Amino acid sequence: MASAPPTLDAEPEPPVRGEGRRRRLRQEFAVRVTVTSLLLLFNELVVVDHAMSSIIRLTAFTGLVLNVPYFLTIRTGIALRAQAYTRMLIDVALTTAGLYGAGGLGAAQYIGVYAVVPVYTAFVFSSRACVIATVFATATYLGVVVLQLQHVLPYTQQPLPDAWLIAAFNLLVLNIVGSLAALLAEAYRHSRDRLAMLYAELERAHDESLKLNVEMQGAARRFVLAEVVAGVTHDVRNALQGAFGHLWLARRTGRPLTPEAAGHLDQAEQACESAMRIIRTTLDMARRPAPEREPVAAAEVVRRVAELKAVEFRRDGITLTVDVADTLPRVLASPYQLQQVLLNLLGNAQDELRGSAGRREIGIAGRVDGGRVIVEVHDTGPGIAPNVLPHIFEPFYTTKLSGSGLGLAISAGIAEAFGGTLVGENRREGGALFRLTLPAAGRLSPA
C-alpha cells in the first residue's frame, strides 16, 4: 500500500522550477518508501491472520516496487501532469486494497490512513488534486464495502457490530481533513504568490530608486560643475576688467605713445576683449537654464513618491502619513524635478529615523496659501542642530559621513527656479520640517 501524492506540474520548466520539481519528486518517493516500509513492518509484527497478512504484504510491496517504473516514466518527460494524477490514484487504490486486506468494513477504524495522500497532495500538487484524492478514496472504500455486503468480495475479517457507524464517522473526518487541507493549501499558495509579487515590487522599487539616484547624481555633478565654472569665470572676469582699466589709463597718461607701444596696447586690448567674450560665453553655458514649467498635479507626484518609498519605509519600520487632498491646485513645475525634491526630503528624513529608537514617523502634508501651494515634509527624528540649521542649503555642507552636501542645495535651487522657496526648521514637538512653496498654476511667479 502506498500513500504519497503526485508532485509534478506541466513541462517544460525553467531551471529554478525544474529544481523544485525534482525536490518534490524526491519527497514523494521518500514518503512512499517510508509509509510502505512501516506498513510492511506493522504487518509482520502485529497482523496474525494469514490471509489478511498476505493481502497487506502484497499491496505494500507493490507500492514500494512501483517507484521504479514511476521513476523511469518520469524521465521520459511525457505527460508529466497525467503521470502525477495516475500515481495519486494508484496510491489511493493500493491503500484501499490494503484496507480490504485488513478487513474492509472490519478495518473501518483504519480509514484515517487515507489522509496521508490528500494532505500531502494538497501542498505539493494542487487543491484540486487533494479534492480528487479525497473523493476517490471515499468512493473506492465504499465500493469495497458494498461488494462485501453483496458477497462479491469475501470478508477477511468480520466487522464489529457498529462498523458502519465507525466507517461513516471516519469517512466524514477524512473528507473534512481533505477539504481543510485543500483550503489551507490554496491559502498557502496565495500567500506564496503574494510574497513573490511583493518581492518583485521590491525589486522594481529598488531598480527605480537606483535609476533616480543615478539621475540625481548626474544633476549634482552638473550643479557642481556649473557652480565651479561660474565662480572661476567670475573671478577671471574681474581680473580682466582690472586689466582693461589699466590699459585705458595707459592711453590717457597725456604722454604720446610710440607706435610700437601703441601697437602693444592694441594687441593687449584685443586679447582682453577676446578673453572677455570667451568668459561671457562660458558664463552663459554655466548658468542653469530656466526649466520648462507646466501645470503639475502635486497630489499625484506626492502619491507616486510615497509609493516609491513605501517598501523601504516598511523595511526600516517607518510609518508614512500622507495628508494631501486630490483637490490641491496644480503647481507650475517640472514633474521629474518636483519628484526629485520630494524624494530627497524623504530620503533625508529616512536617514535620520533609521537609527532612531523612538517613534519612526514621516508625514507629508499639502495646503494652499493664497496663490501658492505648500507641501511640508516632517519627521519625528532628532531635528536639526542649531549650529547646522543656517548652513543646510549650502553646497558641500553635510554632517553625514557618506553625504555629498548637495541634495538640499540642489532642491533649493530647483524650488527657486520654479519661483518658489524651500526652507527648513525644527518643530516644537520635535523633529525637522521642510516647507516647499510653489506658485499655483493660475499665478506665474518670476523665476
Protein backbone atom coordinates (compact mmCIF):
# COMPACT_ATOMS: atom_id res chain seq x y z
CA MET A 1 0.00 0.00 0.00
CA ALA A 2 1.41 3.41 -0.95
CA SER A 3 0.43 6.84 0.28
CA ALA A 4 2.35 9.59 -1.47
CA PRO A 5 0.71 12.08 -3.83
CA PRO A 6 1.83 13.37 -7.21
CA THR A 7 4.09 16.35 -7.30
CA LEU A 8 4.60 17.37 -10.90
CA ASP A 9 3.41 20.32 -12.92
CA ALA A 10 3.38 20.71 -16.67
CA GLU A 11 6.55 20.85 -18.71
CA PRO A 12 8.77 22.43 -19.84
CA GLU A 13 10.09 24.22 -16.77
CA PRO A 14 12.87 26.75 -16.24
CA PRO A 15 15.91 25.69 -14.19
CA VAL A 16 14.59 27.06 -10.88
CA ARG A 17 11.20 25.38 -11.20
CA GLY A 18 12.87 22.23 -12.50
CA GLU A 19 14.94 22.03 -9.32
CA GLY A 20 11.79 22.47 -7.24
CA ARG A 21 10.08 19.69 -9.21
CA ARG A 22 12.99 17.32 -8.59
CA ARG A 23 12.92 18.17 -4.89
CA ARG A 24 9.20 17.41 -4.65
CA LEU A 25 9.73 14.13 -6.51
CA ARG A 26 12.38 13.09 -4.01
CA GLN A 27 9.96 13.95 -1.20
CA GLU A 28 7.16 11.94 -2.84
CA PHE A 29 9.34 8.87 -3.30
CA ALA A 30 10.69 9.20 0.25
CA VAL A 31 7.16 9.35 1.68
CA ARG A 32 6.03 6.36 -0.38
CA VAL A 33 9.05 4.29 0.65
CA THR A 34 8.68 5.26 4.31
CA VAL A 35 4.95 4.54 4.53
CA THR A 36 5.12 1.23 2.68
CA SER A 37 8.11 0.13 4.77
CA LEU A 38 6.27 0.95 8.00
CA LEU A 39 3.20 -0.95 6.79
CA LEU A 40 5.33 -3.97 5.95
CA LEU A 41 6.90 -3.81 9.41
CA PHE A 42 3.47 -3.43 11.06
CA ASN A 43 2.12 -6.35 9.03
CA GLU A 44 4.96 -8.67 10.07
CA LEU A 45 4.90 -7.73 13.76
CA VAL A 46 1.20 -7.22 14.50
CA VAL A 47 -1.10 -8.89 11.96
CA VAL A 48 -1.59 -12.57 12.80
CA ASP A 49 -4.27 -13.59 10.29
CA HIS A 50 -2.51 -15.26 7.35
CA ALA A 51 -4.96 -14.20 4.60
CA MET A 52 -5.12 -10.65 5.88
CA SER A 53 -1.34 -10.50 6.23
CA SER A 54 -0.79 -11.73 2.67
CA ILE A 55 -3.00 -9.04 1.10
CA ILE A 56 -1.42 -6.24 3.15
CA ARG A 57 2.07 -7.51 2.35
CA LEU A 58 1.28 -7.70 -1.37
CA THR A 59 -0.18 -4.20 -1.61
CA ALA A 60 2.61 -2.62 0.44
CA PHE A 61 5.29 -4.39 -1.57
CA THR A 62 3.57 -3.35 -4.81
CA GLY A 63 3.55 0.29 -3.71
CA LEU A 64 7.25 0.04 -2.88
CA VAL A 65 8.24 -1.58 -6.19
CA LEU A 66 6.16 0.82 -8.29
CA ASN A 67 8.67 3.58 -7.54
CA VAL A 68 10.95 2.06 -10.17
CA PRO A 69 8.56 2.35 -13.17
CA TYR A 70 7.40 5.70 -11.80
CA PHE A 71 10.96 6.97 -11.94
CA LEU A 72 11.53 5.61 -15.46
CA THR A 73 8.34 7.12 -16.88
CA ILE A 74 9.09 10.49 -15.30
CA ARG A 75 12.44 10.56 -17.06
CA THR A 76 10.67 10.43 -20.42
CA GLY A 77 9.25 13.89 -19.72
CA ILE A 78 5.96 12.96 -21.42
CA ALA A 79 2.59 13.99 -19.92
CA LEU A 80 4.04 14.69 -16.51
CA ARG A 81 0.79 16.03 -15.10
CA ALA A 82 -1.13 12.95 -16.23
CA GLN A 83 1.59 10.77 -14.70
CA ALA A 84 1.24 12.63 -11.42
CA TYR A 85 -2.53 12.13 -11.30
CA THR A 86 -2.06 8.46 -12.18
CA ARG A 87 0.40 7.94 -9.32
CA MET A 88 -2.01 9.65 -6.94
CA LEU A 89 -4.94 7.44 -7.96
CA ILE A 90 -2.80 4.30 -7.80
CA ASP A 91 -1.68 5.23 -4.28
CA VAL A 92 -5.32 5.61 -3.23
CA ALA A 93 -6.25 2.32 -4.92
CA LEU A 94 -3.40 0.48 -3.18
CA THR A 95 -4.45 1.99 0.14
CA THR A 96 -7.98 0.70 -0.49
CA ALA A 97 -6.58 -2.75 -1.31
CA GLY A 98 -4.60 -2.70 1.91
CA LEU A 99 -7.71 -1.74 3.90
CA TYR A 100 -9.60 -4.60 2.24
CA GLY A 101 -6.82 -6.93 3.29
CA ALA A 102 -7.17 -5.59 6.84
CA GLY A 103 -10.89 -6.39 6.78
CA GLY A 104 -12.68 -3.90 4.53
CA LEU A 105 -15.66 -2.88 6.64
CA GLY A 106 -13.94 -4.64 9.51
CA ALA A 107 -11.00 -2.21 9.14
CA ALA A 108 -13.17 0.90 9.41
CA GLN A 109 -11.06 2.16 12.31
CA TYR A 110 -8.04 2.39 9.98
CA ILE A 111 -9.67 4.65 7.35
CA GLY A 112 -7.55 7.56 8.61
CA VAL A 113 -4.56 6.16 6.71
CA TYR A 114 -6.15 7.61 3.57
CA ALA A 115 -5.44 11.15 4.84
CA VAL A 116 -1.73 10.87 4.01
CA VAL A 117 -2.42 11.09 0.26
CA PRO A 118 -4.79 14.10 0.06
CA VAL A 119 -2.96 16.15 2.70
CA TYR A 120 0.43 15.74 1.06
CA THR A 121 -1.10 16.21 -2.40
CA ALA A 122 -2.77 19.46 -1.36
CA PHE A 123 0.51 21.17 -0.53
CA VAL A 124 2.86 19.80 -3.19
CA PHE A 125 0.49 19.42 -6.16
CA SER A 126 -2.82 21.29 -6.07
CA SER A 127 -6.02 21.74 -4.09
CA ARG A 128 -7.95 20.14 -6.96
CA ALA A 129 -5.80 17.02 -6.72
CA CYS A 130 -6.47 16.94 -2.97
CA VAL A 131 -10.24 17.00 -3.54
CA ILE A 132 -9.99 14.31 -6.23
CA ALA A 133 -7.90 12.08 -3.94
CA THR A 134 -10.37 12.53 -1.07
CA VAL A 135 -13.43 11.76 -3.20
CA PHE A 136 -11.70 8.80 -4.89
CA ALA A 137 -10.67 7.36 -1.51
CA THR A 138 -14.23 7.66 -0.19
CA ALA A 139 -15.70 6.12 -3.34
CA THR A 140 -13.27 3.18 -3.54
CA TYR A 141 -13.67 2.30 0.13
CA LEU A 142 -17.47 2.42 -0.11
CA GLY A 143 -17.22 0.32 -3.28
CA VAL A 144 -15.26 -2.37 -1.43
CA VAL A 145 -17.78 -2.34 1.43
CA VAL A 146 -20.73 -2.66 -0.98
CA LEU A 147 -19.05 -5.58 -2.75
CA GLN A 148 -18.53 -7.23 0.62
CA LEU A 149 -22.18 -6.71 1.54
CA GLN A 150 -23.19 -8.20 -1.84
CA HIS A 151 -20.88 -11.16 -1.08
CA VAL A 152 -18.84 -10.43 -4.21
CA LEU A 153 -15.74 -9.98 -2.05
CA PRO A 154 -15.24 -12.19 0.98
CA TYR A 155 -14.66 -10.77 4.45
CA THR A 156 -11.04 -11.15 5.51
CA GLN A 157 -12.13 -10.15 8.99
CA GLN A 158 -15.63 -9.97 10.44
CA PRO A 159 -16.73 -6.39 11.08
CA LEU A 160 -17.72 -5.14 14.51
CA PRO A 161 -21.43 -4.60 15.24
CA ASP A 162 -21.04 -0.82 14.95
CA ALA A 163 -18.62 -0.95 12.00
CA TRP A 164 -20.95 1.12 9.80
CA LEU A 165 -21.02 3.90 12.38
CA ILE A 166 -17.23 3.83 12.70
CA ALA A 167 -16.81 3.86 8.91
CA ALA A 168 -19.25 6.75 8.45
CA PHE A 169 -17.55 8.80 11.15
CA ASN A 170 -14.03 8.18 9.82
CA LEU A 171 -15.09 8.92 6.23
CA LEU A 172 -16.64 12.17 7.45
CA VAL A 173 -13.39 13.06 9.22
CA LEU A 174 -11.41 12.12 6.10
CA ASN A 175 -13.50 14.46 3.93
CA ILE A 176 -13.24 17.27 6.49
CA VAL A 177 -9.46 16.84 6.64
CA GLY A 178 -9.25 16.76 2.84
CA SER A 179 -11.38 19.90 2.48
CA LEU A 180 -9.39 21.78 5.12
CA ALA A 181 -6.12 20.67 3.53
CA ALA A 182 -7.32 21.95 0.14
CA LEU A 183 -8.36 25.31 1.62
CA LEU A 184 -5.15 25.71 3.62
CA ALA A 185 -3.01 24.73 0.65
CA GLU A 186 -4.82 27.26 -1.54
CA ALA A 187 -4.25 29.96 1.10
CA TYR A 188 -0.59 28.92 1.32
CA ARG A 189 -0.15 29.20 -2.44
CA HIS A 190 -1.92 32.56 -2.46
CA SER A 191 0.41 33.82 0.28
CA ARG A 192 3.41 32.47 -1.60
CA ASP A 193 2.30 34.23 -4.79
CA ARG A 194 1.66 37.41 -2.82
CA LEU A 195 5.15 37.18 -1.36
CA ALA A 196 6.57 36.76 -4.86
CA MET A 197 4.64 39.84 -6.00
CA LEU A 198 5.95 41.84 -3.05
CA TYR A 199 9.48 40.70 -3.84
CA ALA A 200 9.01 41.75 -7.47
CA GLU A 201 7.65 45.09 -6.25
CA LEU A 202 10.68 45.49 -4.01
CA GLU A 203 12.98 44.74 -6.94
CA ARG A 204 11.12 47.24 -9.12
CA ALA A 205 11.25 49.91 -6.42
CA HIS A 206 14.94 49.20 -5.90
CA ASP A 207 15.65 49.50 -9.62
CA GLU A 208 13.63 52.70 -9.79
CA SER A 209 15.48 54.05 -6.78
CA LEU A 210 18.84 53.24 -8.38
CA LYS A 211 17.75 54.93 -11.60
CA LEU A 212 16.63 58.05 -9.75
CA ASN A 213 19.83 58.02 -7.72
CA VAL A 214 21.92 57.96 -10.89
CA GLU A 215 19.89 60.83 -12.33
CA MET A 216 20.24 62.83 -9.12
CA GLN A 217 23.99 62.20 -9.04
CA GLY A 218 24.20 63.41 -12.62
CA ALA A 219 22.23 66.53 -11.70
CA ALA A 220 24.52 67.04 -8.71
CA ARG A 221 27.64 66.80 -10.88
CA ARG A 222 26.18 69.28 -13.35
CA PHE A 223 25.27 71.59 -10.48
CA VAL A 224 28.78 71.42 -9.02
CA LEU A 225 30.39 71.96 -12.42
CA ALA A 226 28.16 74.96 -13.07
CA GLU A 227 28.98 76.46 -9.67
CA VAL A 228 32.73 75.92 -10.09
CA VAL A 229 32.79 77.27 -13.65
CA ALA A 230 30.65 80.26 -12.70
CA GLY A 231 32.88 81.06 -9.73
CA VAL A 232 36.14 80.76 -11.65
CA THR A 233 34.96 82.73 -14.66
CA HIS A 234 33.52 85.42 -12.42
CA ASP A 235 36.90 85.91 -10.73
CA VAL A 236 38.76 85.88 -14.05
CA ARG A 237 36.32 88.43 -15.48
CA ASN A 238 37.00 90.74 -12.54
CA ALA A 239 40.73 90.43 -13.15
CA LEU A 240 40.30 91.19 -16.86
CA GLN A 241 38.17 94.22 -16.07
CA GLY A 242 41.05 95.47 -13.93
CA ALA A 243 43.44 94.92 -16.82
CA PHE A 244 41.09 96.86 -19.12
CA GLY A 245 41.16 99.71 -16.64
CA HIS A 246 44.93 99.86 -16.63
CA LEU A 247 45.06 99.77 -20.42
CA TRP A 248 42.59 102.65 -20.58
CA LEU A 249 44.71 104.64 -18.12
CA ALA A 250 47.87 103.86 -20.10
CA ARG A 251 46.37 105.51 -23.20
CA ARG A 252 45.39 108.62 -21.25
CA THR A 253 48.61 109.46 -19.42
CA GLY A 254 48.99 112.59 -21.56
CA ARG A 255 52.25 111.41 -22.95
CA PRO A 256 52.48 110.46 -26.61
CA LEU A 257 52.99 106.74 -27.19
CA THR A 258 55.48 105.38 -29.62
CA PRO A 259 53.96 103.43 -32.49
CA GLU A 260 55.45 100.24 -31.05
CA ALA A 261 53.91 100.88 -27.60
CA ALA A 262 50.54 101.79 -29.15
CA GLY A 263 50.65 98.55 -31.14
CA HIS A 264 51.31 96.53 -28.00
CA LEU A 265 48.39 98.24 -26.23
CA ASP A 266 46.11 97.48 -29.17
CA GLN A 267 47.11 93.82 -29.10
CA ALA A 268 46.61 93.67 -25.32
CA GLU A 269 43.12 95.20 -25.62
CA GLN A 270 42.19 92.79 -28.39
CA ALA A 271 43.42 89.84 -26.32
CA CYS A 272 41.43 91.04 -23.29
CA GLU A 273 38.30 91.53 -25.40
CA SER A 274 38.69 88.03 -26.83
CA ALA A 275 39.10 86.62 -23.32
CA MET A 276 36.01 88.53 -22.13
CA ARG A 277 33.94 87.08 -24.99
CA ILE A 278 35.07 83.57 -24.04
CA ILE A 279 34.20 84.22 -20.39
CA ARG A 280 30.76 85.61 -21.25
CA THR A 281 30.06 82.53 -23.37
CA THR A 282 31.28 80.24 -20.59
CA LEU A 283 29.10 82.03 -18.02
CA ASP A 284 26.07 81.70 -20.28
CA MET A 285 26.71 77.98 -20.63
CA ALA A 286 27.38 77.53 -16.90
CA ARG A 287 24.15 79.20 -15.87
CA ARG A 288 21.44 76.59 -15.36
CA PRO A 289 18.74 77.27 -17.93
CA ALA A 290 15.33 78.01 -16.53
CA PRO A 291 13.42 74.71 -16.54
CA GLU A 292 10.24 74.38 -18.51
CA ARG A 293 7.28 74.83 -16.21
CA GLU A 294 3.92 73.24 -16.69
CA PRO A 295 0.85 72.64 -14.53
CA VAL A 296 1.67 69.61 -12.37
CA ALA A 297 -0.70 67.77 -10.02
CA ALA A 298 1.25 67.97 -6.77
CA ALA A 299 -1.02 65.39 -5.11
CA GLU A 300 -0.24 62.87 -7.86
CA VAL A 301 3.51 63.45 -7.56
CA VAL A 302 3.30 63.04 -3.77
CA ARG A 303 1.44 59.73 -4.15
CA ARG A 304 3.97 58.48 -6.69
CA VAL A 305 6.86 59.36 -4.39
CA ALA A 306 5.11 57.69 -1.44
CA GLU A 307 4.70 54.51 -3.50
CA LEU A 308 8.38 54.54 -4.48
CA LYS A 309 9.49 54.81 -0.86
CA ALA A 310 6.82 52.53 0.66
CA VAL A 311 8.87 49.33 0.52
CA GLU A 312 11.98 50.97 2.01
CA PHE A 313 9.92 52.55 4.80
CA ARG A 314 8.33 49.19 5.67
CA ARG A 315 11.78 47.64 5.79
CA ASP A 316 13.04 50.34 8.19
CA GLY A 317 9.89 50.29 10.33
CA ILE A 318 8.88 53.83 9.33
CA THR A 319 5.24 54.91 9.15
CA LEU A 320 4.45 57.31 6.31
CA THR A 321 1.38 59.54 6.58
CA VAL A 322 0.16 61.44 3.51
CA ASP A 323 -2.32 64.28 4.02
CA VAL A 324 -2.60 65.79 0.55
CA ALA A 325 -6.06 66.28 -0.91
CA ASP A 326 -6.74 65.46 -4.55
CA THR A 327 -8.24 68.95 -4.86
CA LEU A 328 -4.86 70.57 -4.20
CA PRO A 329 -4.25 73.07 -7.05
CA ARG A 330 -1.69 72.25 -9.69
CA VAL A 331 1.71 73.90 -9.41
CA LEU A 332 3.98 75.37 -12.07
CA ALA A 333 6.91 72.98 -12.09
CA SER A 334 8.54 70.01 -13.79
CA PRO A 335 7.11 66.63 -12.66
CA TYR A 336 10.51 64.96 -12.57
CA GLN A 337 12.25 67.77 -10.67
CA LEU A 338 9.38 68.09 -8.18
CA GLN A 339 9.65 64.36 -7.61
CA GLN A 340 13.42 64.75 -7.19
CA VAL A 341 12.94 67.36 -4.46
CA LEU A 342 10.39 65.28 -2.54
CA LEU A 343 12.49 62.11 -2.82
CA ASN A 344 15.48 64.00 -1.44
CA LEU A 345 13.48 65.34 1.51
CA LEU A 346 12.00 61.91 2.28
CA GLY A 347 15.43 60.28 1.93
CA ASN A 348 16.95 62.72 4.43
CA ALA A 349 14.13 62.07 6.90
CA GLN A 350 14.58 58.32 6.42
CA ASP A 351 18.31 58.59 7.15
CA GLU A 352 17.57 60.44 10.40
CA LEU A 353 14.98 57.90 11.55
CA ARG A 354 16.79 54.74 10.51
CA GLY A 355 18.88 54.63 13.69
CA SER A 356 16.26 56.22 15.94
CA ALA A 357 14.99 54.26 18.93
CA GLY A 358 11.75 56.24 19.29
CA ARG A 359 8.75 56.66 17.03
CA ARG A 360 9.61 56.46 13.35
CA GLU A 361 7.09 58.58 11.52
CA ILE A 362 7.26 60.76 8.42
CA GLY A 363 4.42 62.97 7.27
CA ILE A 364 3.66 64.77 4.02
CA ALA A 365 1.02 67.50 4.15
CA GLY A 366 -0.27 69.83 1.46
CA ARG A 367 -2.25 73.05 1.70
CA VAL A 368 -2.98 76.27 -0.16
CA ASP A 369 -1.90 79.73 0.96
CA GLY A 370 -3.21 82.41 -1.36
CA GLY A 371 -1.89 81.75 -4.83
CA ARG A 372 0.78 79.33 -3.67
CA VAL A 373 0.80 75.64 -2.86
CA ILE A 374 2.72 74.47 0.20
CA VAL A 375 3.98 70.91 0.65
CA GLU A 376 5.55 70.08 4.02
CA VAL A 377 7.66 67.06 4.93
CA HIS A 378 8.20 66.47 8.65
CA ASP A 379 9.57 63.65 10.77
CA THR A 380 9.89 62.54 14.39
CA GLY A 381 13.68 62.42 14.35
CA PRO A 382 16.13 64.39 16.49
CA GLY A 383 15.74 67.53 14.39
CA ILE A 384 18.45 69.83 13.02
CA ALA A 385 21.21 71.07 15.33
CA PRO A 386 21.08 74.88 15.86
CA ASN A 387 24.62 75.34 14.57
CA VAL A 388 23.81 73.31 11.44
CA LEU A 389 20.47 74.89 10.56
CA PRO A 390 21.90 78.08 8.93
CA HIS A 391 24.09 76.02 6.57
CA ILE A 392 21.79 73.21 5.41
CA PHE A 393 21.29 74.69 1.93
CA GLU A 394 24.96 75.46 1.31
CA PRO A 395 26.61 73.30 -1.38
CA PHE A 396 29.00 70.65 0.01
CA TYR A 397 27.88 71.24 3.61
CA THR A 398 26.99 67.93 5.23
CA THR A 399 27.00 66.22 8.63
CA LYS A 400 26.85 62.71 7.11
CA LEU A 401 29.97 60.63 6.68
CA SER A 402 28.80 59.44 3.25
CA GLY A 403 26.91 62.59 2.24
CA SER A 404 27.85 64.93 -0.59
CA GLY A 405 26.17 68.03 0.82
CA LEU A 406 24.42 68.70 -2.48
CA GLY A 407 20.92 67.27 -2.05
CA LEU A 408 19.34 70.19 -0.22
CA ALA A 409 21.32 72.73 -2.23
CA ILE A 410 20.03 71.25 -5.48
CA SER A 411 16.48 71.01 -4.09
CA ALA A 412 16.54 74.66 -3.03
CA GLY A 413 17.87 75.63 -6.46
CA ILE A 414 15.04 73.74 -8.16
CA ALA A 415 12.46 75.44 -5.94
CA GLU A 416 13.91 78.86 -6.76
CA ALA A 417 13.95 78.05 -10.48
CA PHE A 418 10.21 77.43 -10.26
CA GLY A 419 9.60 80.72 -8.50
CA GLY A 420 9.23 79.07 -5.11
CA THR A 421 11.16 78.51 -1.90
CA LEU A 422 12.41 75.66 0.24
CA VAL A 423 13.01 76.30 3.94
CA GLY A 424 13.90 74.06 6.85
CA GLU A 425 13.21 74.37 10.55
CA ASN A 426 12.66 72.38 13.73
CA ARG A 427 9.19 71.57 15.06
CA ARG A 428 8.17 72.37 18.62
CA GLU A 429 7.10 68.78 19.21
CA GLY A 430 10.43 67.51 17.89
CA GLY A 431 11.80 66.54 14.52
CA ALA A 432 12.59 68.51 11.38
CA LEU A 433 10.22 70.17 8.94
CA PHE A 434 10.90 71.24 5.37
CA ARG A 435 8.42 73.52 3.63
CA LEU A 436 8.30 73.64 -0.17
CA THR A 437 6.33 76.58 -1.55
CA LEU A 438 5.49 76.78 -5.26
CA PRO A 439 3.24 79.07 -7.30
CA ALA A 440 -0.13 77.63 -8.22
CA ALA A 441 -0.76 77.09 -11.91
CA GLY A 442 -3.05 80.09 -12.06
CA ARG A 443 -0.37 82.51 -10.93
CA LEU A 444 3.04 82.81 -12.56
CA SER A 445 5.82 83.98 -10.31
CA PRO A 446 9.09 85.19 -11.79
CA ALA A 447 11.79 82.58 -11.80
